[in-house]
Protein backbone atom coordinates (compact mmCIF):
# COMPACT_ATOMS: atom_id res chain seq x y z
CA UNK A 1 -182.95 145.72 -6.48
CA UNK A 2 -179.66 145.38 -3.64
CA UNK A 3 -178.15 148.22 -5.03
CA UNK A 4 -175.20 146.18 -5.81
CA UNK A 5 -173.23 147.74 -8.20
CA UNK A 6 -171.99 145.35 -11.09
CA UNK A 7 -168.29 145.22 -11.55
CA UNK A 8 -167.38 146.02 -15.05
CA UNK A 9 -167.49 143.23 -17.71
CA UNK A 10 -163.63 142.00 -18.99
CA UNK A 11 -163.57 142.13 -23.00
CA UNK A 12 -161.28 139.95 -25.38
CA UNK A 13 -159.92 141.16 -28.43
CA UNK A 14 -160.10 139.68 -32.11
CA UNK A 15 -157.42 140.01 -34.48
CA UNK A 16 -157.61 138.57 -37.81
CA UNK A 17 -154.92 138.84 -39.51
CA UNK A 18 -152.44 138.15 -42.42
CA UNK A 19 -148.80 137.94 -42.40
CA UNK A 20 -146.72 139.02 -45.29
CA UNK A 21 -144.84 136.32 -47.34
CA UNK A 22 -141.69 135.95 -46.06
CA UNK A 23 -142.34 138.40 -43.13
CA UNK A 24 -143.71 135.77 -40.24
CA UNK A 25 -139.95 135.53 -38.50
CA UNK A 26 -140.22 139.91 -37.83
CA UNK A 27 -144.24 139.13 -37.05
CA UNK A 28 -143.90 136.77 -34.09
CA UNK A 29 -140.36 138.74 -33.04
CA UNK A 30 -142.39 142.14 -32.97
CA UNK A 31 -145.18 140.48 -31.59
CA UNK A 32 -143.57 139.10 -29.18
CA UNK A 33 -142.61 142.78 -28.30
CA UNK A 34 -146.18 143.91 -27.80
CA UNK A 35 -146.97 141.10 -25.77
CA UNK A 36 -143.95 141.70 -23.13
CA UNK A 37 -145.48 145.32 -23.41
CA UNK A 38 -149.11 144.34 -22.96
CA UNK A 39 -148.28 142.26 -19.81
CA UNK A 40 -147.15 145.11 -18.11
CA UNK A 41 -150.19 147.25 -18.48
CA UNK A 42 -152.44 147.10 -15.95
CA UNK A 43 -155.62 145.67 -16.50
CA UNK A 44 -154.46 143.04 -18.57
CA UNK A 45 -155.02 139.25 -18.34
CA UNK A 46 -154.00 137.52 -20.91
CA UNK A 47 -152.73 137.14 -25.22
CA UNK A 48 -152.45 134.31 -27.27
CA UNK A 49 -151.07 134.10 -30.93
CA UNK A 50 -152.50 131.56 -33.02
CA UNK A 51 -151.63 130.84 -36.69
CA UNK A 52 -153.76 128.91 -39.10
CA UNK A 53 -153.11 124.77 -40.07
CA UNK A 54 -155.28 125.82 -43.76
CA UNK A 55 -154.30 128.91 -44.44
CA UNK A 56 -150.18 129.72 -42.81
CA UNK A 57 -150.58 133.36 -43.85
CA UNK A 58 -153.42 133.63 -41.63
CA UNK A 59 -152.99 134.27 -37.85
CA UNK A 60 -155.08 135.01 -34.82
CA UNK A 61 -154.52 137.11 -31.85
CA UNK A 62 -156.44 137.13 -28.92
CA UNK A 63 -156.28 139.31 -25.59
CA UNK A 64 -157.99 139.48 -22.08
CA UNK A 65 -158.84 142.26 -20.51
CA UNK A 66 -160.33 143.53 -17.16
CA UNK A 67 -162.73 146.22 -18.81
CA UNK A 68 -162.94 148.25 -22.07
CA UNK A 69 -161.59 150.80 -20.13
CA UNK A 70 -158.24 148.96 -19.32
CA UNK A 71 -158.19 148.11 -24.00
CA UNK A 72 -159.12 151.58 -24.37
CA UNK A 73 -155.80 152.67 -21.97
CA UNK A 74 -153.31 150.38 -23.64
CA UNK A 75 -154.47 151.40 -27.07
CA UNK A 76 -154.19 155.00 -26.76
CA UNK A 77 -150.49 154.32 -24.63
CA UNK A 78 -147.24 155.95 -26.47
CA UNK A 79 -146.05 152.90 -25.46
CA UNK A 80 -148.32 150.67 -27.49
CA UNK A 81 -148.13 153.16 -30.90
CA UNK A 82 -144.36 152.28 -30.86
CA UNK A 83 -144.60 148.45 -30.43
CA UNK A 84 -147.30 147.87 -32.89
CA UNK A 85 -145.55 149.70 -35.87
CA UNK A 86 -142.86 147.03 -36.77
CA UNK A 87 -145.93 144.20 -35.67
CA UNK A 88 -148.64 146.04 -38.23
CA UNK A 89 -145.83 146.35 -40.98
CA UNK A 90 -145.75 142.65 -41.61
CA UNK A 91 -149.17 142.37 -42.03
CA UNK A 92 -151.38 142.81 -45.20
CA UNK A 93 -154.14 145.82 -45.34
CA UNK A 94 -156.85 142.82 -45.06
CA UNK A 95 -157.00 142.91 -41.25
CA UNK A 96 -160.12 142.64 -38.78
CA UNK A 97 -160.08 143.65 -34.88
CA UNK A 98 -163.39 143.20 -33.01
CA UNK A 99 -164.13 143.16 -29.39
CA UNK A 100 -166.18 141.13 -27.61
CA UNK A 101 -167.86 141.79 -23.93
CA UNK A 102 -166.85 138.18 -22.17
CA UNK A 103 -170.31 136.98 -20.95
CA UNK A 104 -169.21 134.88 -17.27
CA UNK A 105 -170.18 131.25 -17.27
CA UNK A 106 -173.14 130.45 -15.87
CA UNK A 107 -174.65 133.77 -16.54
CA UNK A 108 -177.75 132.26 -17.95
CA UNK A 109 -180.30 134.88 -19.75
CA UNK A 110 -178.19 137.34 -18.59
CA UNK A 111 -177.80 139.95 -21.91
CA UNK A 112 -174.88 141.81 -22.99
CA UNK A 113 -174.70 145.36 -21.66
CA UNK A 114 -175.44 147.96 -24.22
CA UNK A 115 -172.86 150.67 -25.87
CA UNK A 116 -170.06 147.97 -26.25
CA UNK A 117 -168.14 149.58 -29.32
CA UNK A 118 -165.51 148.29 -31.09
CA UNK A 119 -162.22 150.37 -31.30
């Protein structure tokens, strides 16, 4: 054992969403506000929004963060709450969110850390 402390694992948040018909433009506008707020938040690395080619009402939103702590801080920040309200108003209730540890390339048999929980 070398006594090295490993860096916190990066995490990716994945959201599967269904946008209400006719609210697509409002959703994208609201998402851009959330994205811009996240970009200014410590620990945020990147965002991506995708729309299904098979079901245009289905959307995929991903964000990458330096650590689980960073995304937890963002999700409890008052700015986050204010920004996501207009976006969520465009969505149906059947949405899913998952938080995943990113396994570094070339990690071999490195096993993911235990104790990661979804939010």
